[in-house]
């Protein structure tokens, strides 16, 4: 427990500092998390990091993550990048005479999209020209409030299991508690920044952060259960890997952008 607390405090402090600094500091943080997260995903699927399939998957992930405009490069259409990555991965199944199966190629494409664009979305929100830091903090606070509300409400009054086949400790009461606390946090931001975040938008942000965030948590739990592992990695002692810590973020931030709920 002592090791868990120490590692959590150090990692949390570093994350907050780099997020506040923004720019290339935040970019470096997310780049590191993208590489580690995709490495965890590749290993979870039983692929060696020395295998060409792993190299292609990592390259595709980075192509989807990189902020092309900020690097002074022309950004290809996202759909074109995804299609080309699919084509290359499928070609590998032919070149290896099915040593790499179509299932394995599909898994790598899925991971590149899930992790590459998930972390890119965080960078995009933080780099928003109007209120990047505020909207980033609001999104993270709403996600963390949902986690905390679900945990403590579940501990206090949780009786009815939410999805025992996937995550046996989660309860319906806890899930609702997470939604309520995320909404309250989002409304606090609307009260502090009324000119940027209206009440209606704050409610929608809180709902997306909580509902989609909890679903993101369940998605990762379901995948780890299929693979028969407890944690995606061992980056932080007592906390697991990047995918364990960021499962909600990777779903919430892209949705907040796609729904145009955050003023970028």
Foldseek 3Di string as FASTA:
>chain_A
DVLQVVLVVVVVVQQVVQLVVADVSLVVVLVVLLQQVLVLLCVLVVHDCPDVLVVLLSVLLQLLADPQVVVVHDRDPPVVSLVVSLVVLVVVCVVVVNPPPNVNSVSSSVSSCLRSNLSSLLSVQLPFPPCSSLLSVLLVVLLVLLVVQLVVQCVPDFDAADDCVQPVSGGPRSLVRSLVRSLVSLVVSCVVCVVFAPSVLSNVSSNLSRPQLVVLLSVVSNSCVVSVHDASACPRPPQGGSCSVCSSSSRRSVVCVVVVSHND
